[in-house]
């Protein structure tokens, strides 16, 4: 998240709602991609997939909040 924010790929103020939501969407997108790979090669139940996606979303949201907090604590500035 830090590298994406510094490079300008992610807009918004760290720790803002939009920053955290975008982090959660990125994590959910990666989780969905992984679940598609698992569904292709493994025979898993829906409950496993749903639980994985819920946990991915919770983890990505917490990670986005933490990343925003760390960026603010470091006083990072974007390159102009």
Protein backbone atom coordinates (compact mmCIF):
# COMPACT_ATOMS: atom_id res chain seq x y z
CA UNK A 1 0.00 0.00 0.00
CA UNK A 2 2.84 2.35 0.82
CA UNK A 3 4.48 1.93 -2.58
CA UNK A 4 1.17 2.30 -4.38
CA UNK A 5 0.39 5.46 -2.41
CA UNK A 6 3.85 7.01 -2.90
CA UNK A 7 3.74 6.35 -6.65
CA UNK A 8 0.30 7.97 -6.95
CA UNK A 9 -1.58 4.82 -7.97
CA UNK A 10 -3.69 5.18 -4.83
CA UNK A 11 -5.21 8.55 -4.13
CA UNK A 12 -6.61 9.73 -0.87
CA UNK A 13 -5.25 10.53 2.51
CA UNK A 14 -3.83 7.59 4.47
CA UNK A 15 -6.23 6.46 7.22
CA UNK A 16 -9.16 7.95 5.27
CA UNK A 17 -12.18 5.83 4.53
CA UNK A 18 -11.44 5.77 0.79
CA UNK A 19 -7.86 4.57 1.40
CA UNK A 20 -9.04 1.70 3.62
CA UNK A 21 -11.85 0.73 1.22
CA UNK A 22 -9.43 0.66 -1.70
CA UNK A 23 -7.05 -1.53 0.31
CA UNK A 24 -9.92 -3.89 1.10
CA UNK A 25 -10.92 -4.04 -2.57
CA UNK A 26 -7.36 -4.82 -3.63
CA UNK A 27 -7.16 -7.59 -1.02
CA UNK A 28 -10.56 -8.95 -2.02
CA UNK A 29 -9.56 -8.95 -5.69
CA UNK A 30 -6.42 -10.91 -4.92
CA UNK A 31 -8.45 -13.28 -2.75
CA UNK A 32 -10.99 -13.88 -5.52
CA UNK A 33 -8.19 -14.58 -7.99
CA UNK A 34 -6.68 -17.11 -5.60
CA UNK A 35 -10.04 -18.77 -4.98
CA UNK A 36 -10.51 -19.15 -8.74
CA UNK A 37 -7.15 -20.92 -8.91
CA UNK A 38 -8.16 -23.18 -6.02
CA UNK A 39 -11.54 -23.93 -7.60
CA UNK A 40 -9.82 -24.85 -10.85
CA UNK A 41 -7.33 -27.29 -9.37
CA UNK A 42 -8.88 -28.42 -6.07
CA UNK A 43 -12.28 -29.81 -5.17
CA UNK A 44 -13.31 -27.57 -2.26
CA UNK A 45 -16.64 -26.84 -0.66
CA UNK A 46 -18.40 -23.49 -0.93
CA UNK A 47 -18.15 -22.94 2.81
CA UNK A 48 -14.35 -23.04 2.57
CA UNK A 49 -14.34 -20.51 -0.25
CA UNK A 50 -16.77 -18.18 1.50
CA UNK A 51 -14.83 -18.31 4.75
CA UNK A 52 -11.58 -17.61 2.87
CA UNK A 53 -13.10 -14.57 1.14
CA UNK A 54 -14.53 -13.19 4.38
CA UNK A 55 -11.18 -13.59 6.10
CA UNK A 56 -9.38 -12.02 3.10
CA UNK A 57 -11.66 -9.00 3.29
CA UNK A 58 -11.23 -8.59 7.04
CA UNK A 59 -7.46 -8.93 6.74
CA UNK A 60 -7.21 -6.51 3.84
CA UNK A 61 -9.34 -3.94 5.67
CA UNK A 62 -7.22 -4.22 8.82
CA UNK A 63 -4.07 -4.10 6.68
CA UNK A 64 -5.26 -0.96 4.91
CA UNK A 65 -6.03 0.74 8.20
CA UNK A 66 -2.63 -0.28 9.55
CA UNK A 67 -0.85 0.86 6.37
CA UNK A 68 -2.53 4.26 6.60
CA UNK A 69 -1.52 4.57 10.23
CA UNK A 70 2.11 3.64 9.45
CA UNK A 71 2.28 6.14 6.57
CA UNK A 72 1.00 8.88 8.88
CA UNK A 73 3.41 7.90 11.67
CA UNK A 74 6.36 7.97 9.29
CA UNK A 75 5.32 11.38 7.97
CA UNK A 76 5.74 10.13 4.42
CA UNK A 77 5.29 12.60 1.60
CA UNK A 78 4.56 11.87 -2.03
CA UNK A 79 7.23 12.62 -4.57
CA UNK A 80 6.36 15.61 -6.72
